[in-house]
Amino acid sequence: MVIYQIFILGCLLVFLGIILRNLVDLPDLPPGAGCVTSGPRVSLLVPARDEESNIGGCVASLLAQDYQDFEVIVLDDHSTDETWRELERLAAGPGGQKLCFIKGAPLPDGWHGKAWACQQLSANCTGELLLFTDADTRHRPDALRRAVAAMSASRADMLSLTPFQELGSFWEGLVVPLVYHILFSYLPIGLVSGCGSPAFCYAIGQFILFRREAYLTIGGHRSVCSNIVEDVWLCKKMKGAGGRVVAYNGTDAVNCRMYRGLGDIWSGFSKNLFAGLGENVPGLFALMAMVAMLYLAPWGFAAAALLRGEITVAGLWLPAAQILVAVCSRIIVSLKFRQPLWPGLLHAASQVVLILIAFNSFRQGVFGSGPVWKGRSYRFRKE
């Protein structure tokens, strides 16, 4: 038992080491001071489906960028709400001359909705740089200028920012920051740009900036048309083609409210989790087992020891050390990405929800008709 408990503690310390290294390897987006406001033309591309509550704030923030040469193009992907009318209102307002909005074509066989929308956007733009961003984001006026300067300085072909995640409910605070915890704990981010292997990929679709020629070289979104988690697969394609990928912490440049409430969290994470693991069934169950072993079992061992009154090294003190390392790791990640600290104290509870979502994602993908998001059914497809 002592050997087992030491092994678990060792694993948690390894992940803590990865987190500490990633604090260095994921730099903050350089500040705007000294960044020129002119440069290559940039196309800001926004796919929108039933986004009447989000599109106004997103497009207004894009039109307010202090960069000189850019265009904003929004594709209305068969919305059933007032998204189109909201776009008409924005076009008549300040900066509206830079805004273009188009109707999406019907979804072809073999494509997922977002990839098809982004492919159409790329075919209708004129920029040397292409920024794909989501309708639920908000951009500070200097965000584009800083991102273009960072891309130029790093000589990257693809740049991704990690936005600040707005958390409007208890469930959002409990679960959404797990995205950062998973990425920061299990992925050595320095290998994203420092290693040519596509195995090490980091990209968040809420803000991805491409050089046009590199984007076209990999075939654009056509190359990931059947992948639900298209951002990670775009990174894989770019690295596979020899392109340079970089990532920055952009929490002071871009905000996003990914989901609203438990229902959205359940549906959205169920759609993405199994797909994000490449629809790998053993990999998914290995993740669930690892989460249970590292983050839940220590609480069970500690509780059992207290109930039995066995205050021993293996029974209580090693599990307590495991819990402490896990909570401290979560809090460090929260501080990095400007998230509240209280979810770190409920880390075990968030892991229970993650396991339930993982099982639901597996159930939908393997035994069901696939997850449903914004009225569309998503079937998992292999590469």
Protein backbone atom coordinates (compact mmCIF):
# COMPACT_ATOMS: atom_id res chain seq x y z
CA MET A 1 0.00 0.00 0.00
CA VAL A 2 2.82 2.40 0.81
CA ILE A 3 4.40 1.78 -2.62
CA TYR A 4 1.05 2.44 -4.32
CA GLN A 5 0.53 5.68 -2.40
CA ILE A 6 4.06 6.85 -3.20
CA PHE A 7 3.46 6.07 -6.87
CA ILE A 8 0.30 8.21 -6.91
CA LEU A 9 2.09 11.05 -5.16
CA GLY A 10 4.96 10.75 -7.63
CA CYS A 11 2.56 11.03 -10.60
CA LEU A 12 0.96 14.14 -9.12
CA LEU A 13 4.39 15.69 -8.53
CA VAL A 14 5.34 14.99 -12.16
CA PHE A 15 2.19 16.80 -13.33
CA LEU A 16 2.97 19.65 -10.94
CA GLY A 17 6.40 19.86 -12.54
CA ILE A 18 4.81 20.08 -16.00
CA ILE A 19 2.56 22.89 -14.74
CA LEU A 20 5.51 24.83 -13.31
CA ARG A 21 7.43 24.44 -16.56
CA ASN A 22 4.39 25.51 -18.57
CA LEU A 23 4.23 28.75 -16.60
CA VAL A 24 7.41 29.65 -18.47
CA ASP A 25 6.65 27.98 -21.78
CA LEU A 26 3.25 29.65 -22.28
CA PRO A 27 4.25 33.33 -22.31
CA ASP A 28 1.79 36.16 -21.93
CA LEU A 29 0.90 37.90 -25.18
CA PRO A 30 3.42 40.76 -25.45
CA PRO A 31 2.00 44.15 -24.36
CA GLY A 32 0.81 46.65 -26.92
CA ALA A 33 3.49 49.25 -26.20
CA GLY A 34 5.74 49.54 -29.23
CA CYS A 35 3.51 47.45 -31.50
CA VAL A 36 2.80 49.26 -34.74
CA THR A 37 -0.82 49.73 -35.79
CA SER A 38 -0.10 49.04 -39.46
CA GLY A 39 0.93 45.81 -41.12
CA PRO A 40 -0.44 43.10 -43.38
CA ARG A 41 -4.16 43.08 -44.06
CA VAL A 42 -6.03 40.86 -41.61
CA SER A 43 -9.39 39.18 -42.15
CA LEU A 44 -11.33 38.68 -38.91
CA LEU A 45 -13.61 35.71 -39.57
CA VAL A 46 -16.58 34.78 -37.36
CA PRO A 47 -18.86 31.77 -37.89
CA ALA A 48 -22.25 32.41 -36.27
CA ARG A 49 -25.20 30.09 -35.74
CA ASP A 50 -28.03 31.32 -33.52
CA GLU A 51 -25.81 33.93 -31.87
CA GLU A 52 -28.15 36.90 -31.48
CA SER A 53 -27.14 37.32 -27.82
CA ASN A 54 -23.40 37.24 -28.59
CA ILE A 55 -22.75 38.55 -32.07
CA GLY A 56 -23.29 42.22 -31.25
CA GLY A 57 -20.65 42.37 -28.54
CA CYS A 58 -18.20 40.26 -30.52
CA VAL A 59 -18.41 42.22 -33.78
CA ALA A 60 -18.42 45.59 -32.00
CA SER A 61 -15.17 44.63 -30.25
CA LEU A 62 -13.64 43.52 -33.56
CA LEU A 63 -14.64 46.73 -35.33
CA ALA A 64 -13.02 48.72 -32.51
CA GLN A 65 -9.53 47.26 -33.09
CA ASP A 66 -6.79 49.90 -33.23
CA TYR A 67 -5.08 48.10 -36.12
CA GLN A 68 -5.37 49.87 -39.46
CA ASP A 69 -5.92 47.36 -42.25
CA PHE A 70 -8.53 44.74 -41.44
CA GLU A 71 -11.95 43.48 -42.47
CA VAL A 72 -14.59 41.68 -40.44
CA ILE A 73 -16.58 38.93 -42.15
CA VAL A 74 -19.37 37.04 -40.40
CA LEU A 75 -21.05 33.96 -41.83
CA ASP A 76 -24.62 33.38 -40.70
CA ASP A 77 -24.80 29.60 -40.58
CA HIS A 78 -28.54 29.08 -41.07
CA SER A 79 -29.52 30.84 -37.85
CA THR A 80 -33.12 30.61 -36.73
CA ASP A 81 -32.96 33.64 -34.43
CA GLU A 82 -32.23 37.36 -35.00
CA THR A 83 -28.53 36.98 -35.80
CA TRP A 84 -28.91 38.42 -39.32
CA ARG A 85 -30.87 41.47 -38.14
CA GLU A 86 -28.26 42.12 -35.47
CA LEU A 87 -25.59 42.10 -38.18
CA GLU A 88 -27.59 44.58 -40.24
CA ARG A 89 -27.76 46.87 -37.21
CA LEU A 90 -24.01 46.62 -36.69
CA ALA A 91 -23.29 47.41 -40.34
CA ALA A 92 -25.22 50.66 -39.98
CA GLY A 93 -23.27 51.68 -36.88
CA PRO A 94 -19.74 52.96 -36.16
CA GLY A 95 -17.09 51.18 -38.22
CA GLY A 96 -19.75 49.29 -40.12
CA GLN A 97 -17.98 49.87 -43.43
CA LYS A 98 -15.43 47.25 -42.38
CA LEU A 99 -18.14 44.64 -41.77
CA CYS A 100 -19.32 42.13 -44.33
CA PHE A 101 -21.80 39.36 -43.57
CA ILE A 102 -22.86 36.48 -45.75
CA LYS A 103 -25.32 33.61 -45.70
CA GLY A 104 -23.88 30.13 -45.35
CA ALA A 105 -24.35 27.46 -47.99
CA PRO A 106 -25.99 24.13 -47.09
CA LEU A 107 -23.81 21.75 -45.10
CA PRO A 108 -22.18 19.18 -47.44
CA ASP A 109 -21.92 15.50 -46.58
CA GLY A 110 -18.81 14.66 -44.60
CA TRP A 111 -18.44 18.09 -43.02
CA HIS A 112 -19.08 19.37 -39.52
CA GLY A 113 -20.76 22.76 -39.24
CA LYS A 114 -18.00 24.98 -37.88
CA ALA A 115 -15.35 23.67 -40.27
CA TRP A 116 -17.69 24.28 -43.23
CA ALA A 117 -18.51 27.79 -42.03
CA CYS A 118 -14.81 28.64 -41.60
CA GLN A 119 -13.95 27.22 -45.03
CA GLN A 120 -16.56 29.49 -46.62
CA LEU A 121 -15.25 32.48 -44.67
CA SER A 122 -11.71 31.83 -45.88
CA ALA A 123 -12.96 31.73 -49.49
CA ASN A 124 -14.55 35.18 -49.14
CA CYS A 125 -11.74 37.15 -47.50
CA THR A 126 -8.82 39.21 -48.77
CA GLY A 127 -6.36 39.28 -45.85
CA GLU A 128 -2.77 38.10 -45.79
CA LEU A 129 -3.50 36.94 -42.25
CA LEU A 130 -6.68 35.09 -41.28
CA LEU A 131 -8.05 35.28 -37.74
CA PHE A 132 -10.76 32.76 -36.88
CA THR A 133 -12.64 33.65 -33.72
CA ASP A 134 -15.92 32.65 -32.09
CA ALA A 135 -19.07 34.73 -31.69
CA ASP A 136 -18.94 34.42 -27.90
CA THR A 137 -15.60 36.24 -27.64
CA ARG A 138 -14.86 39.89 -26.82
CA HIS A 139 -11.59 41.49 -27.93
CA ARG A 140 -9.74 44.40 -26.37
CA PRO A 141 -8.89 47.16 -28.88
CA ASP A 142 -5.21 46.21 -28.91
CA ALA A 143 -5.73 42.44 -29.20
CA LEU A 144 -5.24 42.20 -32.97
CA ARG A 145 -2.25 44.56 -33.03
CA ARG A 146 -0.49 42.56 -30.32
CA ALA A 147 -1.28 39.20 -31.93
CA VAL A 148 0.06 40.34 -35.32
CA ALA A 149 3.23 41.65 -33.67
CA ALA A 150 3.69 38.35 -31.80
CA MET A 151 3.21 36.36 -35.00
CA SER A 152 5.76 38.50 -36.79
CA ALA A 153 8.30 38.28 -33.98
CA SER A 154 7.92 34.50 -33.62
CA ARG A 155 7.80 33.90 -37.39
CA ALA A 156 4.87 31.59 -36.79
CA ASP A 157 2.49 30.20 -39.38
CA MET A 158 -0.26 29.61 -36.80
CA LEU A 159 -0.81 31.44 -33.52
CA SER A 160 -3.37 30.61 -30.86
CA LEU A 161 -4.36 32.61 -27.79
CA THR A 162 -5.80 31.30 -24.54
CA PRO A 163 -8.67 33.68 -23.71
CA PHE A 164 -9.97 34.67 -20.31
CA GLN A 165 -12.99 32.50 -19.54
CA GLU A 166 -15.96 34.31 -18.04
CA LEU A 167 -17.80 32.18 -15.48
CA GLY A 168 -21.38 33.19 -14.84
CA SER A 169 -22.66 30.32 -12.69
CA PHE A 170 -21.49 27.80 -10.11
CA TRP A 171 -21.31 25.00 -12.66
CA GLU A 172 -19.30 27.09 -15.09
CA GLY A 173 -16.82 27.89 -12.35
CA LEU A 174 -16.60 24.25 -11.32
CA VAL A 175 -16.14 22.68 -14.76
CA VAL A 176 -15.00 25.16 -17.44
CA PRO A 177 -11.54 25.85 -15.89
CA LEU A 178 -10.81 22.12 -16.24
CA VAL A 179 -9.93 22.93 -19.86
CA TYR A 180 -6.90 24.83 -18.61
CA HIS A 181 -6.10 22.27 -15.93
CA ILE A 182 -6.05 19.40 -18.44
CA LEU A 183 -3.94 21.28 -21.00
CA PHE A 184 -1.52 22.65 -18.44
CA SER A 185 -1.08 19.41 -16.47
CA TYR A 186 -0.67 16.85 -19.22
CA LEU A 187 0.88 18.75 -22.16
CA PRO A 188 4.45 20.13 -22.11
CA ILE A 189 3.61 23.30 -24.02
CA GLY A 190 7.21 24.04 -24.90
CA LEU A 191 7.10 21.05 -27.27
CA VAL A 192 4.29 22.64 -29.28
CA SER A 193 6.69 25.08 -30.94
CA GLY A 194 9.95 23.37 -29.97
CA CYS A 195 9.23 19.92 -31.41
CA GLY A 196 8.09 19.13 -34.93
CA SER A 197 5.96 16.15 -33.90
CA PRO A 198 2.20 16.64 -34.41
CA ALA A 199 1.72 14.68 -31.17
CA PHE A 200 2.30 17.90 -29.22
CA CYS A 201 -0.47 20.30 -30.18
CA TYR A 202 -2.10 23.23 -28.44
CA ALA A 203 -4.77 25.35 -30.07
CA ILE A 204 -7.97 26.98 -28.86
CA GLY A 205 -10.48 27.74 -31.61
CA GLN A 206 -11.69 30.90 -29.90
CA PHE A 207 -8.65 32.72 -31.37
CA ILE A 208 -6.47 31.23 -34.12
CA LEU A 209 -4.40 33.42 -36.44
CA PHE A 210 -2.95 31.96 -39.68
CA ARG A 211 -0.70 33.15 -42.43
CA ARG A 212 -2.84 32.71 -45.52
CA GLU A 213 -0.22 30.77 -47.48
CA ALA A 214 0.29 28.32 -44.62
CA TYR A 215 -3.46 27.90 -44.17
CA LEU A 216 -3.87 27.12 -47.86
CA THR A 217 -0.91 24.74 -47.81
CA ILE A 218 -2.68 22.44 -45.34
CA GLY A 219 -5.94 22.70 -47.31
CA GLY A 220 -7.68 25.04 -44.88
CA HIS A 221 -10.57 23.69 -42.88
CA ARG A 222 -11.22 21.17 -45.63
CA SER A 223 -8.37 19.13 -44.14
CA VAL A 224 -10.28 18.82 -40.84
CA CYS A 225 -13.81 18.79 -42.24
CA SER A 226 -14.85 15.67 -40.33
CA ASN A 227 -13.12 16.50 -37.03
CA ILE A 228 -15.35 17.87 -34.27
CA VAL A 229 -12.39 19.34 -32.37
CA GLU A 230 -11.08 21.10 -35.44
CA ASP A 231 -8.68 23.47 -33.65
CA VAL A 232 -6.37 20.73 -32.37
CA TRP A 233 -6.44 18.94 -35.71
CA LEU A 234 -5.55 22.15 -37.54
CA CYS A 235 -2.50 22.34 -35.30
CA LYS A 236 -1.64 18.73 -36.16
CA LYS A 237 -2.00 19.44 -39.88
CA MET A 238 0.12 22.58 -39.63
CA LYS A 239 2.93 20.84 -37.76
CA GLY A 240 2.68 17.84 -40.08
CA ALA A 241 3.26 20.18 -43.02
CA GLY A 242 6.33 21.68 -41.36
CA GLY A 243 4.65 24.88 -40.22
CA ARG A 244 5.54 26.69 -37.00
CA VAL A 245 2.86 26.88 -34.31
CA VAL A 246 3.03 29.16 -31.26
CA ALA A 247 0.70 29.74 -28.32
CA TYR A 248 0.30 32.65 -25.92
CA ASN A 249 -1.67 33.41 -22.80
CA GLY A 250 -4.16 36.01 -24.03
CA THR A 251 -6.30 36.43 -20.93
CA ASP A 252 -5.71 40.19 -20.94
CA ALA A 253 -6.60 40.51 -24.63
CA VAL A 254 -9.65 38.28 -25.31
CA ASN A 255 -12.61 37.26 -23.16
CA CYS A 256 -14.99 34.39 -23.79
CA ARG A 257 -17.99 32.90 -22.07
CA MET A 258 -17.80 29.39 -23.46
CA TYR A 259 -20.98 27.95 -21.97
CA ARG A 260 -23.96 29.23 -20.04
CA GLY A 261 -25.13 26.91 -17.29
CA LEU A 262 -24.95 23.19 -16.66
CA GLY A 263 -26.97 22.20 -19.75
CA ASP A 264 -24.55 23.90 -22.14
CA ILE A 265 -21.57 22.51 -20.25
CA TRP A 266 -22.93 18.98 -20.41
CA SER A 267 -23.74 19.18 -24.13
CA GLY A 268 -20.62 21.06 -25.18
CA PHE A 269 -18.09 18.96 -23.28
CA SER A 270 -19.87 15.74 -24.28
CA LYS A 271 -19.53 16.81 -27.91
CA ASN A 272 -15.82 17.56 -27.63
CA LEU A 273 -14.25 15.20 -25.10
CA PHE A 274 -14.36 11.86 -26.92
CA ALA A 275 -13.58 13.59 -30.22
CA GLY A 276 -10.65 15.44 -28.64
CA LEU A 277 -9.08 12.08 -27.79
CA GLY A 278 -9.34 10.96 -31.40
CA GLU A 279 -12.38 8.78 -30.61
CA ASN A 280 -9.96 6.44 -28.84
CA VAL A 281 -12.03 4.21 -26.53
CA PRO A 282 -9.08 2.80 -24.53
CA GLY A 283 -7.67 6.31 -24.26
CA LEU A 284 -10.94 7.69 -22.91
CA PHE A 285 -11.30 4.98 -20.28
CA ALA A 286 -7.64 5.34 -19.37
CA LEU A 287 -8.29 9.04 -18.75
CA MET A 288 -11.29 8.24 -16.57
CA ALA A 289 -9.27 5.69 -14.59
CA MET A 290 -6.38 8.11 -14.17
CA VAL A 291 -8.69 10.88 -12.94
CA ALA A 292 -10.28 8.51 -10.41
CA MET A 293 -6.91 7.21 -9.24
CA LEU A 294 -5.18 10.59 -8.91
CA TYR A 295 -7.93 12.91 -7.76
CA LEU A 296 -10.72 10.84 -6.18
CA ALA A 297 -9.10 7.79 -4.58
CA PRO A 298 -6.95 9.87 -2.17
CA TRP A 299 -10.12 11.31 -0.61
CA GLY A 300 -11.48 7.77 -0.16
CA PHE A 301 -8.29 6.52 1.48
CA ALA A 302 -8.11 9.53 3.80
CA ALA A 303 -11.77 9.25 4.79
CA ALA A 304 -11.47 5.51 5.44
CA ALA A 305 -8.39 6.05 7.60
CA LEU A 306 -10.12 8.72 9.67
CA LEU A 307 -13.21 6.56 10.15
CA ARG A 308 -11.07 3.64 11.30
CA GLY A 309 -8.85 5.86 13.43
CA GLU A 310 -5.74 4.63 11.57
CA ILE A 311 -3.53 7.69 11.43
CA THR A 312 -0.75 6.03 9.45
CA VAL A 313 1.56 7.12 6.65
CA ALA A 314 -0.14 4.99 3.99
CA GLY A 315 -3.65 5.43 5.38
CA LEU A 316 -3.76 9.17 5.92
CA TRP A 317 -0.60 11.20 5.46
CA LEU A 318 0.28 10.12 1.93
CA PRO A 319 -3.33 10.57 0.68
CA ALA A 320 -3.39 13.97 2.41
CA ALA A 321 -0.18 14.92 0.60
CA GLN A 322 -1.74 13.80 -2.70
CA ILE A 323 -4.81 15.95 -2.08
CA LEU A 324 -2.62 18.93 -1.20
CA VAL A 325 -0.53 18.61 -4.38
CA ALA A 326 -3.66 18.24 -6.54
CA VAL A 327 -5.35 21.29 -5.02
CA CYS A 328 -2.17 23.40 -5.19
CA SER A 329 -1.72 22.42 -8.86
CA ARG A 330 -5.26 23.50 -9.65
CA ILE A 331 -4.79 26.82 -7.82
CA ILE A 332 -1.54 27.56 -9.69
CA VAL A 333 -3.33 27.06 -13.01
CA SER A 334 -6.20 29.27 -11.80
CA LEU A 335 -3.78 32.07 -10.95
CA LYS A 336 -2.10 31.79 -14.37
CA PHE A 337 -5.38 32.20 -16.22
CA ARG A 338 -7.01 34.69 -13.83
CA GLN A 339 -9.68 32.26 -12.67
CA PRO A 340 -11.32 32.26 -9.21
CA LEU A 341 -9.60 30.13 -6.59
CA TRP A 342 -12.66 28.48 -5.03
CA PRO A 343 -13.02 25.80 -7.77
CA GLY A 344 -9.55 24.58 -6.82
CA LEU A 345 -10.86 23.70 -3.38
CA LEU A 346 -13.61 21.66 -5.07
CA HIS A 347 -11.22 19.97 -7.47
CA ALA A 348 -12.44 16.47 -6.59
CA ALA A 349 -16.05 17.46 -7.30
CA SER A 350 -15.09 18.84 -10.71
CA GLN A 351 -13.34 15.55 -11.51
CA VAL A 352 -16.51 13.62 -10.70
CA VAL A 353 -18.39 15.77 -13.21
CA LEU A 354 -15.60 15.24 -15.75
CA ILE A 355 -15.89 11.46 -15.45
CA LEU A 356 -19.66 11.64 -15.90
CA ILE A 357 -19.26 13.84 -18.99
CA ALA A 358 -16.59 11.50 -20.39
CA PHE A 359 -18.89 8.52 -20.02
CA ASN A 360 -21.74 10.43 -21.67
CA SER A 361 -19.45 11.48 -24.52
CA PHE A 362 -18.50 7.83 -25.04
CA ARG A 363 -22.15 6.72 -24.87
CA GLN A 364 -23.25 9.28 -27.44
CA GLY A 365 -20.38 8.57 -29.81
CA VAL A 366 -20.43 4.79 -29.70
CA PHE A 367 -23.99 3.75 -28.88
CA GLY A 368 -26.04 6.84 -29.66
CA SER A 369 -26.69 8.99 -32.70
CA GLY A 370 -23.95 11.42 -31.69
CA PRO A 371 -24.14 14.64 -29.66
CA VAL A 372 -26.49 17.42 -30.68
CA TRP A 373 -25.33 21.05 -30.64
CA LYS A 374 -27.39 24.00 -31.88
CA GLY A 375 -29.84 21.75 -33.66
CA ARG A 376 -27.23 19.63 -35.47
CA SER A 377 -26.30 16.05 -34.79
CA TYR A 378 -22.57 15.38 -34.74
CA ARG A 379 -21.39 11.93 -35.68
CA PHE A 380 -17.87 10.96 -34.68
CA ARG A 381 -15.63 10.14 -37.60
CA LYS A 382 -12.16 8.70 -37.72
CA GLU A 383 -9.36 10.31 -39.65
